[in-house]
């Protein structure tokens, strides 16, 4: 399957992109990029193997891990976008970052314990040996959280694009970010628990960051306002 093959390829790129994040780990944007890359890697890797079993317990385990990866990726992307010098300042940044981190942490805790409760979904075997996925309230709350994280980061780059700031990479971040949000919303609503292109599209975001870092050495360095650069040429 195309999406599964693409997800495997996306997971394999994690090592290259993590090394770039580690090289800039002393900068805010480097740490955010590192978290983003690791989340996307887990998201793609587990997504690629979650359809290998038709046992509900195994399906639930891998699906939970893929959702954890998606949350880490969403948080990483939001932090990456909000620490870029080309994007707008966020009022009360510490409060916003803290709230996002705590919310994601709580969601991950609930996902890890998903096999012992039915807050997110239920999975049952069917005569065709496929596990029947029934979304619950937690699943829709998770969808809203992901859309909020990816959407929030994308909106920041949309604003930067409208301002005409550092268009060389801002357009790429904006386009891939909006596409990721659309894929998330569409797949979660139309095919709950099924196939989605969102993790593969998210690789376009990590790839853009990697290309930016390779093309412009100062791309992740702190700007004059103390925020890390992302989305354009060196300042």
C-alpha atoms as a PDB file:
ATOM      1  CA  UNK A   1       0.000   0.000   0.000  1.00  0.00           C
ATOM      2  CA  UNK A   2       1.283   3.463  -0.958  1.00  0.00           C
ATOM      3  CA  UNK A   3       0.607   5.123   2.390  1.00  0.00           C
ATOM      4  CA  UNK A   4       2.208   2.314   4.380  1.00  0.00           C
ATOM      5  CA  UNK A   5       5.292   2.294   2.170  1.00  0.00           C
ATOM      6  CA  UNK A   6       5.537   6.057   2.429  1.00  0.00           C
ATOM      7  CA  UNK A   7       5.185   5.877   6.212  1.00  0.00           C
ATOM      8  CA  UNK A   8       8.087   3.409   6.390  1.00  0.00           C
ATOM      9  CA  UNK A   9      10.224   5.761   4.318  1.00  0.00           C
ATOM     10  CA  UNK A  10       9.187   8.669   6.529  1.00  0.00           C
ATOM     11  CA  UNK A  11      10.204   6.760   9.645  1.00  0.00           C
ATOM     12  CA  UNK A  12      13.595   5.915   8.110  1.00  0.00           C
ATOM     13  CA  UNK A  13      14.347   9.618   7.595  1.00  0.00           C
ATOM     14  CA  UNK A  14      14.076  10.198  11.343  1.00  0.00           C
ATOM     15  CA  UNK A  15      17.756   9.453  11.990  1.00  0.00           C
ATOM     16  CA  UNK A  16      18.955  12.081   9.510  1.00  0.00           C
ATOM     17  CA  UNK A  17      16.591  14.744  10.802  1.00  0.00           C
ATOM     18  CA  UNK A  18      17.268  13.940  14.477  1.00  0.00           C
ATOM     19  CA  UNK A  19      20.981  14.513  13.897  1.00  0.00           C
ATOM     20  CA  UNK A  20      20.140  17.974  12.560  1.00  0.00           C
ATOM     21  CA  UNK A  21      17.982  18.707  15.586  1.00  0.00           C
ATOM     22  CA  UNK A  22      20.765  17.572  17.909  1.00  0.00           C
ATOM     23  CA  UNK A  23      23.195  19.893  16.163  1.00  0.00           C
ATOM     24  CA  UNK A  24      20.916  22.809  17.131  1.00  0.00           C
ATOM     25  CA  UNK A  25      19.721  21.475  20.471  1.00  0.00           C
ATOM     26  CA  UNK A  26      21.114  24.511  22.319  1.00  0.00           C
ATOM     27  CA  UNK A  27      18.573  26.689  20.514  1.00  0.00           C
ATOM     28  CA  UNK A  28      14.836  26.814  21.211  1.00  0.00           C
ATOM     29  CA  UNK A  29      13.908  25.996  17.656  1.00  0.00           C
ATOM     30  CA  UNK A  30      16.382  23.113  17.559  1.00  0.00           C
ATOM     31  CA  UNK A  31      14.755  21.478  20.573  1.00  0.00           C
ATOM     32  CA  UNK A  32      11.289  22.005  19.128  1.00  0.00           C
ATOM     33  CA  UNK A  33      12.405  20.590  15.784  1.00  0.00           C
ATOM     34  CA  UNK A  34      13.928  17.584  17.562  1.00  0.00           C
ATOM     35  CA  UNK A  35      10.666  16.877  19.379  1.00  0.00           C
ATOM     36  CA  UNK A  36       8.739  17.344  16.147  1.00  0.00           C
ATOM     37  CA  UNK A  37      10.967  14.939  14.195  1.00  0.00           C
ATOM     38  CA  UNK A  38      10.815  12.261  16.894  1.00  0.00           C
ATOM     39  CA  UNK A  39       7.031  12.526  17.033  1.00  0.00           C
ATOM     40  CA  UNK A  40       6.690  12.280  13.258  1.00  0.00           C
ATOM     41  CA  UNK A  41       9.063   9.291  13.231  1.00  0.00           C
ATOM     42  CA  UNK A  42       7.010   7.394  15.829  1.00  0.00           C
ATOM     43  CA  UNK A  43       3.786   8.408  14.106  1.00  0.00           C
ATOM     44  CA  UNK A  44       4.924   7.046  10.740  1.00  0.00           C
ATOM     45  CA  UNK A  45       6.737   3.977  12.058  1.00  0.00           C
ATOM     46  CA  UNK A  46       3.866   2.684  14.180  1.00  0.00           C
ATOM     47  CA  UNK A  47       1.295   3.632  11.544  1.00  0.00           C
ATOM     48  CA  UNK A  48       3.156   1.406   9.076  1.00  0.00           C
ATOM     49  CA  UNK A  49       2.865  -1.666  11.303  1.00  0.00           C
ATOM     50  CA  UNK A  50      -0.515  -1.134  12.937  1.00  0.00           C
ATOM     51  CA  UNK A  51      -2.346  -2.944  10.119  1.00  0.00           C
ATOM     52  CA  UNK A  52      -0.249  -6.119  10.358  1.00  0.00           C
ATOM     53  CA  UNK A  53      -2.544  -7.676  12.956  1.00  0.00           C
ATOM     54  CA  UNK A  54      -6.291  -8.162  13.110  1.00  0.00           C
ATOM     55  CA  UNK A  55      -6.306  -8.897  16.848  1.00  0.00           C
ATOM     56  CA  UNK A  56      -8.136  -6.067  18.618  1.00  0.00           C
ATOM     57  CA  UNK A  57      -5.691  -5.946  21.551  1.00  0.00           C
ATOM     58  CA  UNK A  58      -2.683  -5.664  19.221  1.00  0.00           C
ATOM     59  CA  UNK A  59      -4.490  -3.166  16.997  1.00  0.00           C
ATOM     60  CA  UNK A  60      -5.317  -1.039  20.017  1.00  0.00           C
ATOM     61  CA  UNK A  61      -1.694  -1.105  21.207  1.00  0.00           C
ATOM     62  CA  UNK A  62      -0.225   0.059  17.906  1.00  0.00           C
ATOM     63  CA  UNK A  63      -2.990   2.577  17.295  1.00  0.00           C
ATOM     64  CA  UNK A  64      -2.374   4.060  20.747  1.00  0.00           C
ATOM     65  CA  UNK A  65       1.333   4.411  19.976  1.00  0.00           C
ATOM     66  CA  UNK A  66       0.624   6.098  16.646  1.00  0.00           C
ATOM     67  CA  UNK A  67      -1.646   8.582  18.410  1.00  0.00           C
ATOM     68  CA  UNK A  68       1.101   9.267  20.965  1.00  0.00           C
ATOM     69  CA  UNK A  69       3.481   9.979  18.095  1.00  0.00           C
ATOM     70  CA  UNK A  70       0.922  12.305  16.525  1.00  0.00           C
ATOM     71  CA  UNK A  71       0.587  14.246  19.790  1.00  0.00           C
ATOM     72  CA  UNK A  72       4.353  14.635  20.153  1.00  0.00           C
ATOM     73  CA  UNK A  73       4.552  15.758  16.530  1.00  0.00           C
ATOM     74  CA  UNK A  74       1.731  18.249  17.026  1.00  0.00           C
ATOM     75  CA  UNK A  75       3.327  19.731  20.130  1.00  0.00           C
ATOM     76  CA  UNK A  76       6.731  19.889  18.432  1.00  0.00           C
ATOM     77  CA  UNK A  77       5.282  21.610  15.370  1.00  0.00           C
ATOM     78  CA  UNK A  78       3.414  24.183  17.471  1.00  0.00           C
ATOM     79  CA  UNK A  79       6.549  25.004  19.482  1.00  0.00           C
ATOM     80  CA  UNK A  80       8.665  25.101  16.331  1.00  0.00           C
ATOM     81  CA  UNK A  81       6.298  27.552  14.635  1.00  0.00           C
ATOM     82  CA  UNK A  82       5.807  29.742  17.698  1.00  0.00           C
ATOM     83  CA  UNK A  83       9.553  30.161  18.325  1.00  0.00           C
ATOM     84  CA  UNK A  84      10.324  31.220  14.755  1.00  0.00           C
ATOM     85  CA  UNK A  85      11.505  34.824  14.476  1.00  0.00           C
ATOM     86  CA  UNK A  86       9.414  35.292  11.314  1.00  0.00           C
ATOM     87  CA  UNK A  87       6.116  34.328  12.990  1.00  0.00           C
ATOM     88  CA  UNK A  88       4.057  36.597  15.305  1.00  0.00           C
ATOM     89  CA  UNK A  89       4.759  36.746  19.024  1.00  0.00           C
ATOM     90  CA  UNK A  90       2.291  34.823  21.174  1.00  0.00           C
ATOM     91  CA  UNK A  91       1.044  36.752  24.237  1.00  0.00           C
ATOM     92  CA  UNK A  92       1.816  34.972  27.517  1.00  0.00           C
ATOM     93  CA  UNK A  93       3.996  32.455  25.692  1.00  0.00           C
ATOM     94  CA  UNK A  94       4.981  30.566  28.836  1.00  0.00           C
ATOM     95  CA  UNK A  95       1.362  30.050  29.835  1.00  0.00           C
ATOM     96  CA  UNK A  96       0.452  28.898  26.321  1.00  0.00           C
ATOM     97  CA  UNK A  97       3.428  26.516  26.099  1.00  0.00           C
ATOM     98  CA  UNK A  98       2.782  25.143  29.583  1.00  0.00           C
ATOM     99  CA  UNK A  99      -0.895  24.554  28.888  1.00  0.00           C
ATOM    100  CA  UNK A 100      -0.109  22.799  25.603  1.00  0.00           C
ATOM    101  CA  UNK A 101       2.542  20.572  27.210  1.00  0.00           C
ATOM    102  CA  UNK A 102       0.355  19.608  30.182  1.00  0.00           C
ATOM    103  CA  UNK A 103      -2.627  18.876  27.930  1.00  0.00           C
ATOM    104  CA  UNK A 104      -0.529  16.679  25.650  1.00  0.00           C
ATOM    105  CA  UNK A 105       0.984  14.922  28.668  1.00  0.00           C
ATOM    106  CA  UNK A 106      -2.471  14.149  30.057  1.00  0.00           C
ATOM    107  CA  UNK A 107      -3.646  12.910  26.661  1.00  0.00           C
ATOM    108  CA  UNK A 108      -0.606  10.620  26.344  1.00  0.00           C
ATOM    109  CA  UNK A 109      -1.269   9.193  29.813  1.00  0.00           C
ATOM    110  CA  UNK A 110      -4.853   8.388  28.838  1.00  0.00           C
ATOM    111  CA  UNK A 111      -3.698   6.849  25.547  1.00  0.00           C
ATOM    112  CA  UNK A 112      -1.150   4.602  27.259  1.00  0.00           C
ATOM    113  CA  UNK A 113      -3.892   3.321  29.561  1.00  0.00           C
ATOM    114  CA  UNK A 114      -6.425   2.985  26.726  1.00  0.00           C
ATOM    115  CA  UNK A 115      -6.556  -0.857  26.938  1.00  0.00           C
ATOM    116  CA  UNK A 116      -8.099  -0.632  30.427  1.00  0.00           C
ATOM    117  CA  UNK A 117     -10.831   1.866  29.579  1.00  0.00           C
ATOM    118  CA  UNK A 118     -13.058   2.783  26.644  1.00  0.00           C
ATOM    119  CA  UNK A 119     -12.697   6.551  26.808  1.00  0.00           C
ATOM    120  CA  UNK A 120     -11.137   6.764  23.335  1.00  0.00           C
ATOM    121  CA  UNK A 121     -12.569   3.816  21.406  1.00  0.00           C
ATOM    122  CA  UNK A 122     -13.629   0.185  21.417  1.00  0.00           C
ATOM    123  CA  UNK A 123     -12.275  -2.503  19.096  1.00  0.00           C
ATOM    124  CA  UNK A 124     -13.987  -5.807  18.442  1.00  0.00           C
ATOM    125  CA  UNK A 125     -13.290  -8.742  16.145  1.00  0.00           C
ATOM    126  CA  UNK A 126     -15.571  -9.290  13.168  1.00  0.00           C
ATOM    127  CA  UNK A 127     -16.286 -12.397  11.032  1.00  0.00           C
ATOM    128  CA  UNK A 128     -13.938 -10.955   8.382  1.00  0.00           C
ATOM    129  CA  UNK A 129     -11.115 -10.957  10.993  1.00  0.00           C
ATOM    130  CA  UNK A 130     -10.897  -7.160  10.790  1.00  0.00           C
ATOM    131  CA  UNK A 131     -11.121  -5.243  14.037  1.00  0.00           C
ATOM    132  CA  UNK A 132     -14.176  -2.989  14.174  1.00  0.00           C
ATOM    133  CA  UNK A 133     -13.212   0.472  15.464  1.00  0.00           C
ATOM    134  CA  UNK A 134     -15.833   2.513  17.324  1.00  0.00           C
ATOM    135  CA  UNK A 135     -14.706   6.047  18.267  1.00  0.00           C
ATOM    136  CA  UNK A 136     -15.680   7.501  21.639  1.00  0.00           C
ATOM    137  CA  UNK A 137     -15.600  11.007  23.090  1.00  0.00           C
ATOM    138  CA  UNK A 138     -11.852  10.835  23.833  1.00  0.00           C
ATOM    139  CA  UNK A 139     -11.105  10.126  20.185  1.00  0.00           C
ATOM    140  CA  UNK A 140     -12.865  13.302  19.081  1.00  0.00           C
ATOM    141  CA  UNK A 141     -11.162  15.286  21.856  1.00  0.00           C
ATOM    142  CA  UNK A 142      -7.836  13.905  20.595  1.00  0.00           C
ATOM    143  CA  UNK A 143      -8.752  14.939  17.051  1.00  0.00           C
ATOM    144  CA  UNK A 144      -9.561  18.448  18.228  1.00  0.00           C
ATOM    145  CA  UNK A 145      -6.260  18.670  20.127  1.00  0.00           C
ATOM    146  CA  UNK A 146      -4.254  17.589  17.076  1.00  0.00           C
ATOM    147  CA  UNK A 147      -6.084  20.017  14.797  1.00  0.00           C
ATOM    148  CA  UNK A 148      -5.493  22.761  17.360  1.00  0.00           C
ATOM    149  CA  UNK A 149      -1.747  22.076  17.632  1.00  0.00           C
ATOM    150  CA  UNK A 150      -1.068  21.662  13.919  1.00  0.00           C
ATOM    151  CA  UNK A 151      -3.552  24.383  13.019  1.00  0.00           C
ATOM    152  CA  UNK A 152      -2.106  26.837  15.527  1.00  0.00           C
ATOM    153  CA  UNK A 153       1.412  26.402  14.175  1.00  0.00           C
ATOM    154  CA  UNK A 154       0.194  26.653  10.598  1.00  0.00           C
ATOM    155  CA  UNK A 155      -1.758  29.852  11.292  1.00  0.00           C
ATOM    156  CA  UNK A 156       1.420  31.490  12.590  1.00  0.00           C
ATOM    157  CA  UNK A 157       3.144  30.767   9.285  1.00  0.00           C
ATOM    158  CA  UNK A 158       0.044  31.893   7.355  1.00  0.00           C
ATOM    159  CA  UNK A 159       0.300  35.277   9.083  1.00  0.00           C
ATOM    160  CA  UNK A 160       4.041  35.447   8.339  1.00  0.00           C
ATOM    161  CA  UNK A 161       3.323  34.651   4.686  1.00  0.00           C
ATOM    162  CA  UNK A 162       0.685  37.401   4.484  1.00  0.00           C
ATOM    163  CA  UNK A 163       3.231  39.828   5.926  1.00  0.00           C
ATOM    164  CA  UNK A 164       5.677  38.828   3.206  1.00  0.00           C
ATOM    165  CA  UNK A 165       8.343  37.701   5.671  1.00  0.00           C
ATOM    166  CA  UNK A 166      11.030  35.250   4.492  1.00  0.00           C
ATOM    167  CA  UNK A 167       8.816  33.705   1.827  1.00  0.00           C
ATOM    168  CA  UNK A 168      11.372  31.128   0.651  1.00  0.00           C
ATOM    169  CA  UNK A 169      10.432  28.644   3.402  1.00  0.00           C
ATOM    170  CA  UNK A 170       7.351  30.246   4.955  1.00  0.00           C
ATOM    171  CA  UNK A 171       5.258  29.146   1.973  1.00  0.00           C
ATOM    172  CA  UNK A 172       6.470  25.554   2.293  1.00  0.00           C
ATOM    173  CA  UNK A 173       5.716  25.437   6.017  1.00  0.00           C
ATOM    174  CA  UNK A 174       2.291  26.983   5.467  1.00  0.00           C
ATOM    175  CA  UNK A 175       1.290  24.681   2.624  1.00  0.00           C
ATOM    176  CA  UNK A 176       2.443  21.467   4.319  1.00  0.00           C
ATOM    177  CA  UNK A 177       0.985  22.550   7.664  1.00  0.00           C
ATOM    178  CA  UNK A 178      -2.451  23.287   6.226  1.00  0.00           C
ATOM    179  CA  UNK A 179      -2.354  20.029   4.241  1.00  0.00           C
ATOM    180  CA  UNK A 180      -1.533  18.098   7.433  1.00  0.00           C
ATOM    181  CA  UNK A 181      -4.489  19.678   9.236  1.00  0.00           C
ATOM    182  CA  UNK A 182      -6.811  18.861   6.326  1.00  0.00           C
ATOM    183  CA  UNK A 183      -5.590  15.251   6.210  1.00  0.00           C
ATOM    184  CA  UNK A 184      -6.014  14.869   9.967  1.00  0.00           C
ATOM    185  CA  UNK A 185      -9.521  16.269  10.021  1.00  0.00           C
ATOM    186  CA  UNK A 186     -10.642  14.426   6.909  1.00  0.00           C
ATOM    187  CA  UNK A 187      -9.291  11.007   7.866  1.00  0.00           C
ATOM    188  CA  UNK A 188     -10.385  11.175  11.516  1.00  0.00           C
ATOM    189  CA  UNK A 189     -13.935  12.070  10.506  1.00  0.00           C
ATOM    190  CA  UNK A 190     -14.349   9.925   7.390  1.00  0.00           C
ATOM    191  CA  UNK A 191     -12.264   6.869   8.355  1.00  0.00           C
ATOM    192  CA  UNK A 192     -11.874   6.765  12.159  1.00  0.00           C
ATOM    193  CA  UNK A 193      -9.044   4.421  13.088  1.00  0.00           C
ATOM    194  CA  UNK A 194      -8.232   3.794   9.429  1.00  0.00           C
ATOM    195  CA  UNK A 195      -5.756   4.939   6.814  1.00  0.00           C
ATOM    196  CA  UNK A 196      -4.543   8.526   6.735  1.00  0.00           C
ATOM    197  CA  UNK A 197      -1.999  10.536   4.789  1.00  0.00           C
ATOM    198  CA  UNK A 198      -1.401  12.934   7.686  1.00  0.00           C
ATOM    199  CA  UNK A 199       1.821  11.359   9.071  1.00  0.00           C
ATOM    200  CA  UNK A 200       3.317  11.196   5.573  1.00  0.00           C
ATOM    201  CA  UNK A 201       2.425  14.825   4.851  1.00  0.00           C
ATOM    202  CA  UNK A 202       3.976  15.820   8.184  1.00  0.00           C
ATOM    203  CA  UNK A 203       7.285  14.481   6.830  1.00  0.00           C
ATOM    204  CA  UNK A 204       7.161  17.372   4.348  1.00  0.00           C
ATOM    205  CA  UNK A 205       7.378  19.734   7.334  1.00  0.00           C
ATOM    206  CA  UNK A 206      10.366  17.984   8.887  1.00  0.00           C
ATOM    207  CA  UNK A 207      12.026  17.818   5.464  1.00  0.00           C
ATOM    208  CA  UNK A 208      11.520  21.561   4.973  1.00  0.00           C
ATOM    209  CA  UNK A 209      13.201  22.217   8.308  1.00  0.00           C
ATOM    210  CA  UNK A 210      16.108  19.968   7.379  1.00  0.00           C
ATOM    211  CA  UNK A 211      16.556  21.619   3.983  1.00  0.00           C
ATOM    212  CA  UNK A 212      16.433  25.025   5.599  1.00  0.00           C
ATOM    213  CA  UNK A 213      19.084  24.078   8.140  1.00  0.00           C
ATOM    214  CA  UNK A 214      21.326  22.664   5.412  1.00  0.00           C
ATOM    215  CA  UNK A 215      20.930  25.606   3.058  1.00  0.00           C
ATOM    216  CA  UNK A 216      21.245  28.364   5.628  1.00  0.00           C
ATOM    217  CA  UNK A 217      23.591  27.627   8.522  1.00  0.00           C
ATOM    218  CA  UNK A 218      22.090  30.358  10.760  1.00  0.00           C
ATOM    219  CA  UNK A 219      18.537  29.144  10.068  1.00  0.00           C
ATOM    220  CA  UNK A 220      17.985  28.043  13.669  1.00  0.00           C
ATOM    221  CA  UNK A 221      20.081  30.737  15.342  1.00  0.00           C
ATOM    222  CA  UNK A 222      18.500  33.255  17.675  1.00  0.00           C
ATOM    223  CA  UNK A 223      17.189  36.404  16.066  1.00  0.00           C
ATOM    224  CA  UNK A 224      17.545  39.918  17.425  1.00  0.00           C
ATOM    225  CA  UNK A 225      14.397  39.481  19.512  1.00  0.00           C
ATOM    226  CA  UNK A 226      15.760  36.391  21.244  1.00  0.00           C
ATOM    227  CA  UNK A 227      13.592  34.009  19.269  1.00  0.00           C
ATOM    228  CA  UNK A 228      14.874  31.297  16.967  1.00  0.00           C
ATOM    229  CA  UNK A 229      14.796  31.770  13.206  1.00  0.00           C
ATOM    230  CA  UNK A 230      12.696  29.568  10.917  1.00  0.00           C
ATOM    231  CA  UNK A 231      10.906  30.077   7.664  1.00  0.00           C
ATOM    232  CA  UNK A 232      13.393  32.074   5.642  1.00  0.00           C
ATOM    233  CA  UNK A 233      16.847  33.297   4.831  1.00  0.00           C
ATOM    234  CA  UNK A 234      19.468  34.132   7.443  1.00  0.00           C
ATOM    235  CA  UNK A 235      19.048  37.470   9.109  1.00  0.00           C
END
